């Protein structure tokens, strides 16, 4: 073995045993975790078990459990059973927890029973970042990402799926009834007939259960039910595939890509622009934010709500009219003239407004119509409308707000690139840390707690990369 570095003899005793502190250098992440958790007032943040009774069995201090979870989520160990294993063999955790090793049930119960406290710790770290001027920019990006729920697709039911299952069971029952009739005619053994009859009875029981579930699905407001995790929903993902998931919304700053605010939902992105932006307002304690989002968030009413809240939304509009597929001019070919209150068509003719507003889905629209004589003699009519009547265009009563937003976006053609480089980075990182698997918890309350831990760990890691161990430790001591 000459020429190689030699290890220490395993059976050799040492006169002066090494302490745990010798194995944890000054640049180790666990030292920052320890400083951060010890600086928090856990009772004020809402953790249970901080104040103990003089009688009864002693319990683990919430600080110990919080250190364990933060370390675990920073090091891609989120399962309570895996955290139990790590606490018994990981030298860094032995140092951090002072050789305490809770069992998996205690670890899991802490996460379940301290949702409020964990949420406040996540917010406290965001406030720490704000005080350290990590959010100097007034610009944020918003996006949503589907996280697979702990609910198999087979345990999610929709009316279409229920009809398929019921039809299949009814077909099986019909086939077995025919088989039973043939058995009587061909005088099969009583045992064969009894087996067939038992199968039919089981199928009839299954059919009754399916019909009962079908009624529940039809009566449900969203027309779908998940039996394992009732709050999860079947949603479209990239590539038009469908998975049972939660849609996690997040607001991320464009300067350091830190998560400012997040929320767990089970609906599509549309409708989440204003609520998520308001969460960011509260976190940053400022109203005049510029909010960038993709076309999935485009909704005139929610853009108006965001503007009314004092923010400047920048959201591109996708083409959903289908005009190009029909072979006619898109709406974008028609220019609105504010002074004349008219639309100018590609042939420079005017589409004039009607006399009254029309209400459509709680929105008030004005119909603009071309004059019959202008359309009749227009050589572009086949490209303008497939109908015998003149071309019509609807305009929302607050369309001028959308037009002003479009003008701002044209001045910044790099907005969608900024959005992509900013808000998609945290989602990709967190999913990588999760191991590209499903969420470990179920129901809104528990999934929100899980995402709070993910967001806290992500922001913690970003701050370590930005400031370093010594810098972040000093900042925590000086700020909290």
Protein backbone atom coordinates (compact mmCIF):
# COMPACT_ATOMS: atom_id res chain seq x y z
CA UNK A 1 0.00 0.00 0.00
CA UNK A 2 3.01 2.32 -0.23
CA UNK A 3 2.43 5.48 -2.23
CA UNK A 4 -1.18 5.85 -1.01
CA UNK A 5 -2.69 7.95 1.75
CA UNK A 6 -3.27 5.71 4.75
CA UNK A 7 -6.33 5.84 7.01
CA UNK A 8 -6.54 5.50 10.78
CA UNK A 9 -6.77 2.06 12.35
CA UNK A 10 -10.42 1.48 13.29
CA UNK A 11 -9.58 -0.35 16.51
CA UNK A 12 -7.07 2.23 17.73
CA UNK A 13 -8.13 4.18 20.84
CA UNK A 14 -7.50 7.90 21.23
CA UNK A 15 -6.40 9.43 24.49
CA UNK A 16 -8.22 12.69 23.82
CA UNK A 17 -11.46 11.97 21.84
CA UNK A 18 -12.38 14.51 19.19
CA UNK A 19 -15.46 16.65 19.87
CA UNK A 20 -18.33 17.04 17.38
CA UNK A 21 -17.33 20.64 16.90
CA UNK A 22 -14.06 19.48 15.35
CA UNK A 23 -15.99 17.85 12.48
CA UNK A 24 -18.03 20.98 11.61
CA UNK A 25 -15.87 23.71 10.10
CA UNK A 26 -16.67 27.40 10.39
CA UNK A 27 -18.02 27.55 6.82
CA UNK A 28 -20.58 24.78 7.35
CA UNK A 29 -24.23 25.59 6.60
CA UNK A 30 -25.43 24.08 9.88
CA UNK A 31 -23.84 26.94 11.79
CA UNK A 32 -26.06 29.44 9.93
CA UNK A 33 -29.14 27.28 10.54
CA UNK A 34 -28.33 27.18 14.24
CA UNK A 35 -27.86 30.96 14.46
CA UNK A 36 -31.07 31.68 12.52
CA UNK A 37 -33.35 29.35 14.49
CA UNK A 38 -31.90 30.39 17.86
CA UNK A 39 -32.57 34.05 17.01
CA UNK A 40 -36.31 33.44 16.49
CA UNK A 41 -39.02 33.87 19.11
CA UNK A 42 -40.83 30.61 18.36
CA UNK A 43 -43.65 31.23 20.85
CA UNK A 44 -44.47 34.56 19.19
CA UNK A 45 -44.35 32.93 15.75
CA UNK A 46 -47.05 30.46 16.80
CA UNK A 47 -45.19 27.21 17.50
CA UNK A 48 -46.81 24.78 19.94
CA UNK A 49 -44.93 23.24 22.84
CA UNK A 50 -42.54 26.13 23.50
CA UNK A 51 -43.89 26.56 27.03
CA UNK A 52 -43.93 23.23 28.83
CA UNK A 53 -45.63 21.99 32.00
CA UNK A 54 -43.68 20.98 35.08
CA UNK A 55 -45.25 17.50 35.02
CA UNK A 56 -45.29 14.81 32.36
CA UNK A 57 -42.71 13.42 29.99
CA UNK A 58 -40.25 15.97 28.55
CA UNK A 59 -40.63 16.75 24.83
CA UNK A 60 -38.34 17.99 22.08
CA UNK A 61 -38.03 21.76 21.84
CA UNK A 62 -39.60 23.16 18.64
CA UNK A 63 -36.22 24.73 17.76
CA UNK A 64 -34.68 21.25 17.55
CA UNK A 65 -37.39 20.03 15.16
CA UNK A 66 -37.26 23.19 13.05
CA UNK A 67 -33.48 22.88 12.68
CA UNK A 68 -33.95 19.27 11.57
CA UNK A 69 -36.52 20.19 8.93
CA UNK A 70 -34.58 23.16 7.57
CA UNK A 71 -31.45 21.04 7.29
CA UNK A 72 -33.43 18.26 5.60
CA UNK A 73 -35.07 20.49 2.99
CA UNK A 74 -31.71 22.14 2.27
CA UNK A 75 -30.16 18.74 1.64
CA UNK A 76 -32.97 17.05 -0.32
CA UNK A 77 -34.18 14.98 2.63
CA UNK A 78 -37.87 15.78 3.16
CA UNK A 79 -39.31 12.46 4.37
CA UNK A 80 -39.77 12.07 8.14
CA UNK A 81 -38.44 8.48 7.99
CA UNK A 82 -35.31 9.57 6.13
CA UNK A 83 -34.81 12.45 8.56
CA UNK A 84 -34.93 9.95 11.43
CA UNK A 85 -32.19 7.90 9.76
CA UNK A 86 -30.04 10.97 9.09
CA UNK A 87 -30.35 12.16 12.70
CA UNK A 88 -28.75 8.89 13.85
CA UNK A 89 -25.84 8.79 11.39
CA UNK A 90 -25.19 12.31 10.05
CA UNK A 91 -22.42 14.11 11.94
CA UNK A 92 -23.68 17.54 10.86
CA UNK A 93 -27.12 16.76 12.28
CA UNK A 94 -25.58 15.34 15.46
CA UNK A 95 -23.83 18.70 15.91
CA UNK A 96 -26.93 20.73 15.02
CA UNK A 97 -29.34 18.73 17.21
CA UNK A 98 -26.81 18.12 20.02
CA UNK A 99 -27.10 14.34 19.43
CA UNK A 100 -30.89 14.29 19.75
CA UNK A 101 -32.59 11.84 17.39
CA UNK A 102 -36.41 12.08 17.27
CA UNK A 103 -38.38 9.21 15.74
CA UNK A 104 -40.22 9.63 12.42
CA UNK A 105 -43.66 9.97 14.06
CA UNK A 106 -42.49 12.87 16.22
CA UNK A 107 -40.89 14.50 13.17
CA UNK A 108 -44.04 14.12 11.04
CA UNK A 109 -46.33 15.35 13.83
CA UNK A 110 -44.25 18.51 14.25
CA UNK A 111 -44.79 19.48 10.61
CA UNK A 112 -48.50 18.65 10.83
CA UNK A 113 -49.13 20.53 14.11
CA UNK A 114 -47.05 23.67 13.44
CA UNK A 115 -48.37 24.93 10.10
CA UNK A 116 -48.85 28.46 11.45
CA UNK A 117 -45.37 28.67 12.97
CA UNK A 118 -43.60 27.35 9.87
CA UNK A 119 -45.52 29.81 7.69
CA UNK A 120 -44.41 32.70 9.92
CA UNK A 121 -40.77 31.55 9.86
CA UNK A 122 -40.89 31.60 6.05
CA UNK A 123 -42.28 35.15 6.14
CA UNK A 124 -39.73 36.20 8.75
CA UNK A 125 -36.88 35.16 6.46
CA UNK A 126 -38.43 37.16 3.60
CA UNK A 127 -38.58 40.17 5.93
CA UNK A 128 -34.93 39.59 6.80
CA UNK A 129 -34.09 39.67 3.08
CA UNK A 130 -36.08 42.88 2.70
CA UNK A 131 -34.22 44.53 5.57
CA UNK A 132 -30.95 43.50 3.95
CA UNK A 133 -32.09 45.32 0.75
CA UNK A 134 -32.34 42.19 -1.36
CA UNK A 135 -35.53 43.56 -2.97
CA UNK A 136 -34.39 46.99 -4.11
CA UNK A 137 -36.11 46.56 -7.47
CA UNK A 138 -39.84 47.32 -7.71
CA UNK A 139 -40.29 44.57 -10.31
CA UNK A 140 -41.55 41.04 -9.67
CA UNK A 141 -42.56 38.10 -11.85
CA UNK A 142 -45.45 35.73 -11.21
CA UNK A 143 -46.01 32.21 -12.46
CA UNK A 144 -47.58 28.92 -11.48
CA UNK A 145 -46.31 25.36 -11.69
CA UNK A 146 -48.08 22.04 -11.29
CA UNK A 147 -46.76 19.85 -8.46
CA UNK A 148 -47.93 16.23 -8.57
CA UNK A 149 -50.19 15.40 -5.64
CA UNK A 150 -50.14 12.28 -3.52
CA UNK A 151 -53.18 11.03 -5.43
CA UNK A 152 -52.94 8.49 -8.24
CA UNK A 153 -54.68 9.38 -11.48
CA UNK A 154 -56.74 6.19 -11.12
CA UNK A 155 -58.23 7.65 -7.93
CA UNK A 156 -59.46 10.79 -9.63
CA UNK A 157 -62.94 10.70 -11.13
CA UNK A 158 -64.69 12.90 -13.70
CA UNK A 159 -68.13 12.43 -15.36
CA UNK A 160 -66.46 11.08 -18.53
CA UNK A 161 -64.36 8.64 -16.55
CA UNK A 162 -67.36 7.48 -14.49
CA UNK A 163 -69.37 6.83 -17.66
CA UNK A 164 -66.50 4.74 -19.03
CA UNK A 165 -66.21 2.61 -15.86
CA UNK A 166 -69.99 2.11 -15.56
CA UNK A 167 -70.27 1.09 -19.22
CA UNK A 168 -67.41 -1.39 -18.80
CA UNK A 169 -68.95 -3.01 -15.68
CA UNK A 170 -72.38 -3.22 -17.32
CA UNK A 171 -70.76 -4.93 -20.31
CA UNK A 172 -69.07 -7.46 -18.00
CA UNK A 173 -72.38 -8.16 -16.25
CA UNK A 174 -74.08 -8.72 -19.61
CA UNK A 175 -71.33 -11.13 -20.70
CA UNK A 176 -71.55 -13.12 -17.46
CA UNK A 177 -75.34 -13.32 -17.68
CA UNK A 178 -75.01 -14.79 -21.16
CA UNK A 179 -72.41 -17.22 -19.80
CA UNK A 180 -74.83 -18.17 -17.00
CA UNK A 181 -77.62 -18.86 -19.52
CA UNK A 182 -75.31 -21.09 -21.56
CA UNK A 183 -74.27 -22.93 -18.40
CA UNK A 184 -77.91 -23.73 -17.63
CA UNK A 185 -78.52 -25.00 -21.18
CA UNK A 186 -75.31 -27.04 -21.30
CA UNK A 187 -75.90 -28.36 -17.75
CA UNK A 188 -72.55 -27.25 -16.27
CA UNK A 189 -71.59 -28.27 -12.75
CA UNK A 190 -73.30 -26.45 -9.84
CA UNK A 191 -69.90 -25.13 -8.72
CA UNK A 192 -69.31 -23.41 -12.09
CA UNK A 193 -72.78 -21.86 -12.00
CA UNK A 194 -72.26 -20.68 -8.39
CA UNK A 195 -68.89 -19.11 -9.28
CA UNK A 196 -70.45 -17.25 -12.20
CA UNK A 197 -73.37 -16.08 -10.04
CA UNK A 198 -70.96 -14.81 -7.33
CA UNK A 199 -69.02 -12.89 -9.97
CA UNK A 200 -72.25 -11.27 -11.22
CA UNK A 201 -73.23 -10.30 -7.67
CA UNK A 202 -69.81 -8.72 -7.09
CA UNK A 203 -70.07 -6.80 -10.35
CA UNK A 204 -73.55 -5.57 -9.44
CA UNK A 205 -72.21 -4.35 -6.09
CA UNK A 206 -69.34 -2.61 -7.91
CA UNK A 207 -71.86 -1.04 -10.31
CA UNK A 208 -73.92 0.32 -7.40
CA UNK A 209 -70.78 1.85 -5.87
CA UNK A 210 -69.83 3.45 -9.19
CA UNK A 211 -73.29 4.94 -9.69
CA UNK A 212 -73.21 6.36 -6.18
CA UNK A 213 -69.78 7.88 -6.89
CA UNK A 214 -71.05 9.17 -10.24
CA UNK A 215 -73.78 11.12 -8.43
CA UNK A 216 -71.17 12.64 -6.10
CA UNK A 217 -69.03 13.66 -9.08
CA UNK A 218 -71.98 15.27 -10.88
CA UNK A 219 -73.05 17.12 -7.71
CA UNK A 220 -69.51 18.40 -7.07
CA UNK A 221 -69.06 22.08 -8.08
CA UNK A 222 -65.92 21.27 -10.11
CA UNK A 223 -67.30 18.00 -11.54
CA UNK A 224 -64.38 15.90 -10.29
CA UNK A 225 -63.39 14.06 -7.11
CA UNK A 226 -60.01 12.84 -5.86
CA UNK A 227 -60.42 10.10 -3.27
CA UNK A 228 -56.88 10.00 -1.81
CA UNK A 229 -56.27 13.75 -1.58
CA UNK A 230 -59.67 15.49 -1.90
CA UNK A 231 -58.14 18.95 -2.47
CA UNK A 232 -56.03 17.91 -5.48
CA UNK A 233 -57.35 18.31 -9.02
CA UNK A 234 -56.71 16.84 -12.47
CA UNK A 235 -54.97 19.62 -14.40
CA UNK A 236 -53.27 20.10 -17.74
CA UNK A 237 -49.48 20.33 -17.77
CA UNK A 238 -46.88 20.90 -20.46
CA UNK A 239 -47.55 18.87 -23.56
CA UNK A 240 -51.30 18.77 -22.77
CA UNK A 241 -50.85 15.78 -20.47
CA UNK A 242 -53.00 15.65 -17.35
CA UNK A 243 -51.86 14.89 -13.80
CA UNK A 244 -53.56 15.10 -10.42
CA UNK A 245 -51.76 18.04 -8.88
CA UNK A 246 -51.72 21.40 -7.11
CA UNK A 247 -50.94 24.64 -8.92
CA UNK A 248 -48.31 26.49 -6.87
CA UNK A 249 -48.26 30.25 -7.44
CA UNK A 250 -45.15 32.25 -6.66
CA UNK A 251 -43.95 35.84 -6.88
CA UNK A 252 -40.18 36.15 -7.45
CA UNK A 253 -38.01 39.26 -7.47
CA UNK A 254 -36.02 39.98 -10.61
CA UNK A 255 -32.87 41.05 -8.77
CA UNK A 256 -31.80 37.93 -6.83
CA UNK A 257 -34.55 35.44 -7.80
CA UNK A 258 -35.78 35.17 -4.21
CA UNK A 259 -39.32 33.92 -3.56
CA UNK A 260 -41.25 36.86 -2.13
CA UNK A 261 -44.64 35.17 -1.73
CA UNK A 262 -46.33 31.95 -2.75
CA UNK A 263 -49.69 30.22 -2.50
CA UNK A 264 -51.07 26.73 -3.06
CA UNK A 265 -54.11 26.54 -5.37
CA UNK A 266 -55.95 23.86 -7.31
CA UNK A 267 -57.16 26.06 -10.18
CA UNK A 268 -55.64 27.38 -13.41
CA UNK A 269 -53.36 30.44 -13.55
CA UNK A 270 -56.10 32.75 -14.83
CA UNK A 271 -57.55 34.56 -11.86
CA UNK A 272 -54.39 34.26 -9.73
CA UNK A 273 -52.62 37.42 -10.94
CA UNK A 274 -54.08 39.91 -8.49
CA UNK A 275 -54.20 37.64 -5.38
CA UNK A 276 -50.54 36.61 -5.79
CA UNK A 277 -49.42 40.17 -6.51
CA UNK A 278 -51.23 41.43 -3.38
CA UNK A 279 -49.34 38.84 -1.31
CA UNK A 280 -46.10 40.27 -2.72
CA UNK A 281 -47.26 43.79 -1.83
CA UNK A 282 -47.75 42.77 1.80
CA UNK A 283 -44.38 41.00 1.91
CA UNK A 284 -42.46 43.93 0.42
CA UNK A 285 -44.56 46.60 2.19
CA UNK A 286 -44.93 48.63 -0.99
CA UNK A 287 -47.73 49.09 -3.49
CA UNK A 288 -46.09 50.44 -6.65
CA UNK A 289 -44.90 47.11 -8.06
CA UNK A 290 -44.45 46.16 -11.69
CA UNK A 291 -45.87 42.66 -12.12
CA UNK A 292 -44.75 40.52 -15.08
CA UNK A 293 -46.66 37.35 -16.01
CA UNK A 294 -47.22 35.18 -19.07
CA UNK A 295 -50.31 35.03 -21.29
CA UNK A 296 -51.90 32.34 -19.09
CA UNK A 297 -52.74 35.13 -16.62
CA UNK A 298 -54.39 37.41 -19.17
CA UNK A 299 -57.84 38.44 -18.00
CA UNK A 300 -59.12 41.97 -18.42
CA UNK A 301 -60.94 42.03 -15.09
CA UNK A 302 -57.98 40.70 -13.07
CA UNK A 303 -55.58 43.07 -14.82
CA UNK A 304 -57.90 45.93 -13.86
CA UNK A 305 -58.04 44.64 -10.25
CA UNK A 306 -54.23 44.59 -10.15
CA UNK A 307 -54.07 48.14 -11.47
CA UNK A 308 -56.69 49.25 -8.93
CA UNK A 309 -54.44 47.81 -6.19
CA UNK A 310 -51.73 50.29 -7.25
CA UNK A 311 -49.58 47.97 -9.38
CA UNK A 312 -48.53 47.94 -13.03
CA UNK A 313 -49.27 44.52 -14.59
CA UNK A 314 -47.50 43.54 -17.81
CA UNK A 315 -49.25 40.52 -19.32
CA UNK A 316 -49.24 39.57 -23.03
CA UNK A 317 -52.48 38.48 -24.65
CA UNK A 318 -52.64 35.19 -26.48
CA UNK A 319 -54.72 34.83 -29.64
CA UNK A 320 -57.77 32.73 -28.76
CA UNK A 321 -60.15 34.02 -31.43
CA UNK A 322 -59.42 31.37 -34.04
CA UNK A 323 -59.73 33.95 -36.85
CA UNK A 324 -56.55 32.84 -38.59
CA UNK A 325 -57.78 29.24 -38.70
CA UNK A 326 -60.95 30.49 -40.37
CA UNK A 327 -58.85 32.36 -42.90
CA UNK A 328 -59.99 35.85 -41.90
CA UNK A 329 -58.29 38.93 -40.48
CA UNK A 330 -57.27 38.79 -36.84
CA UNK A 331 -58.55 41.47 -34.47
CA UNK A 332 -55.01 42.89 -34.31
CA UNK A 333 -55.46 44.07 -37.95
CA UNK A 334 -58.10 46.56 -36.75
CA UNK A 335 -56.83 49.79 -35.17
CA UNK A 336 -58.85 51.68 -32.57
CA UNK A 337 -59.15 55.46 -33.08
CA UNK A 338 -59.87 56.97 -29.68
CA UNK A 339 -60.79 60.43 -30.99
CA UNK A 340 -63.42 59.13 -33.40
CA UNK A 341 -64.37 56.17 -31.14
CA UNK A 342 -64.16 53.82 -34.09
CA UNK A 343 -62.13 50.86 -35.36
CA UNK A 344 -60.25 51.25 -38.65
CA UNK A 345 -60.26 48.11 -40.80
CA UNK A 346 -57.40 47.00 -43.14
CA UNK A 347 -59.18 48.81 -46.00
CA UNK A 348 -59.32 52.10 -43.98
CA UNK A 349 -63.08 51.92 -43.43
CA UNK A 350 -64.62 52.63 -40.04
CA UNK A 351 -66.46 50.25 -37.71
CA UNK A 352 -68.83 52.45 -35.71
CA UNK A 353 -70.10 51.75 -32.16
CA UNK A 354 -73.63 50.59 -31.37
CA UNK A 355 -76.14 52.52 -29.27
CA UNK A 356 -76.08 50.38 -26.08
CA UNK A 357 -73.67 48.26 -24.05
CA UNK A 358 -74.03 44.48 -24.05
CA UNK A 359 -73.40 42.44 -20.90
CA UNK A 360 -71.40 39.24 -21.46
CA UNK A 361 -70.09 37.20 -18.49
CA UNK A 362 -70.24 40.17 -16.10
CA UNK A 363 -68.38 42.34 -18.64
CA UNK A 364 -69.92 45.26 -20.46
CA UNK A 365 -69.02 45.26 -24.16
CA UNK A 366 -69.66 47.73 -26.96
CA UNK A 367 -70.25 46.20 -30.41
CA UNK A 368 -68.56 47.98 -33.33
CA UNK A 369 -69.98 47.24 -36.77
CA UNK A 370 -68.89 48.15 -40.29
CA UNK A 371 -71.38 49.84 -42.60
CA UNK A 372 -73.12 47.57 -45.08
CA UNK A 373 -72.19 49.64 -48.13
CA UNK A 374 -68.51 49.69 -47.10
CA UNK A 375 -68.37 45.89 -46.78
CA UNK A 376 -70.44 45.13 -49.87
CA UNK A 377 -68.03 46.83 -52.26
CA UNK A 378 -64.81 45.94 -50.39
CA UNK A 379 -62.37 43.66 -52.23
CA UNK A 380 -61.04 42.43 -48.85
CA UNK A 381 -64.42 41.17 -47.61
CA UNK A 382 -63.59 37.43 -48.12
CA UNK A 383 -60.55 37.95 -45.87
CA UNK A 384 -62.54 39.95 -43.32
CA UNK A 385 -65.68 37.89 -42.63
CA UNK A 386 -67.28 34.62 -43.72
CA UNK A 387 -70.73 35.95 -42.82
CA UNK A 388 -73.13 37.82 -45.07
CA UNK A 389 -73.40 40.55 -42.41
CA UNK A 390 -70.66 43.17 -41.91
CA UNK A 391 -67.70 42.49 -39.63
CA UNK A 392 -68.25 43.12 -35.89
CA UNK A 393 -65.74 43.78 -33.12
CA UNK A 394 -66.45 43.95 -29.37
CA UNK A 395 -64.67 46.38 -27.08
CA UNK A 396 -64.59 46.12 -23.28
CA UNK A 397 -65.56 49.23 -21.33
CA UNK A 398 -62.09 49.32 -19.71
CA UNK A 399 -60.19 48.33 -22.86
CA UNK A 400 -58.16 51.55 -22.69
CA UNK A 401 -56.35 50.11 -19.65
CA UNK A 402 -55.33 47.06 -21.65
CA UNK A 403 -54.23 49.28 -24.55
CA UNK A 404 -52.02 51.35 -22.23
CA UNK A 405 -50.50 48.15 -20.86
CA UNK A 406 -49.75 46.97 -24.40
CA UNK A 407 -47.93 50.23 -25.12
CA UNK A 408 -45.72 49.75 -22.06
CA UNK A 409 -44.93 46.18 -23.12
CA UNK A 410 -43.90 47.23 -26.64
CA UNK A 411 -41.23 49.46 -25.07
CA UNK A 412 -39.74 46.38 -23.36
CA UNK A 413 -39.51 43.45 -25.78
CA UNK A 414 -37.32 41.48 -23.33
CA UNK A 415 -40.06 41.13 -20.69
CA UNK A 416 -40.93 37.50 -21.36
CA UNK A 417 -37.25 36.54 -21.34
CA UNK A 418 -36.84 38.25 -17.95
CA UNK A 419 -39.92 36.41 -16.70
CA UNK A 420 -38.63 33.05 -17.86
CA UNK A 421 -35.16 33.54 -16.37
CA UNK A 422 -36.60 34.72 -13.06
CA UNK A 423 -39.70 32.86 -11.94
CA UNK A 424 -39.02 29.47 -13.53
CA UNK A 425 -35.66 29.12 -11.76
CA UNK A 426 -37.11 28.51 -8.24
CA UNK A 427 -39.65 25.99 -9.52
CA UNK A 428 -36.98 23.99 -11.33
CA UNK A 429 -34.69 24.04 -8.30
CA UNK A 430 -37.38 22.94 -5.83
CA UNK A 431 -38.59 20.12 -8.10
CA UNK A 432 -35.00 18.95 -8.48
CA UNK A 433 -34.58 18.92 -4.70
CA UNK A 434 -37.83 16.95 -4.41
CA UNK A 435 -36.43 14.32 -6.75
CA UNK A 436 -39.09 14.97 -9.42
CA UNK A 437 -41.61 13.05 -7.32
CA UNK A 438 -44.98 13.90 -5.81
CA UNK A 439 -45.77 16.01 -2.75
CA UNK A 440 -45.44 14.10 0.51
CA UNK A 441 -48.47 15.59 2.25
CA UNK A 442 -52.18 15.86 1.50
CA UNK A 443 -54.90 18.53 1.83
CA UNK A 444 -54.40 22.27 1.52
CA UNK A 445 -53.18 22.88 5.07
CA UNK A 446 -50.41 20.29 4.93
CA UNK A 447 -49.35 21.01 1.34
CA UNK A 448 -49.04 24.71 2.20
CA UNK A 449 -46.77 23.79 5.13
CA UNK A 450 -44.65 21.62 2.85
CA UNK A 451 -44.32 24.43 0.30
CA UNK A 452 -43.44 26.91 3.07
CA UNK A 453 -40.51 24.67 4.01
CA UNK A 454 -39.46 24.40 0.35
CA UNK A 455 -39.62 28.19 -0.11
CA UNK A 456 -37.71 28.79 3.14
CA UNK A 457 -34.98 26.34 2.14
CA UNK A 458 -34.74 27.82 -1.36
CA UNK A 459 -34.42 31.41 -0.08
CA UNK A 460 -31.95 30.28 2.59
CA UNK A 461 -29.76 28.63 -0.05
CA UNK A 462 -29.92 31.70 -2.30
CA UNK A 463 -28.86 33.98 0.55
CA UNK A 464 -25.96 31.67 1.37
CA UNK A 465 -24.82 31.87 -2.27
CA UNK A 466 -25.17 35.66 -2.29
CA UNK A 467 -23.70 36.56 1.12
CA UNK A 468 -21.71 33.51 2.17
CA UNK A 469 -21.85 31.74 5.53
CA UNK A 470 -20.02 34.39 7.57
CA UNK A 471 -21.88 37.26 5.91
CA UNK A 472 -25.33 35.74 6.47
CA UNK A 473 -24.54 34.82 10.07
CA UNK A 474 -23.43 38.36 10.82
CA UNK A 475 -26.52 39.78 9.09
CA UNK A 476 -28.86 37.53 11.09
CA UNK A 477 -27.22 38.47 14.39
CA UNK A 478 -27.43 42.17 13.54
CA UNK A 479 -31.00 42.14 12.18
CA UNK A 480 -33.12 39.64 14.12
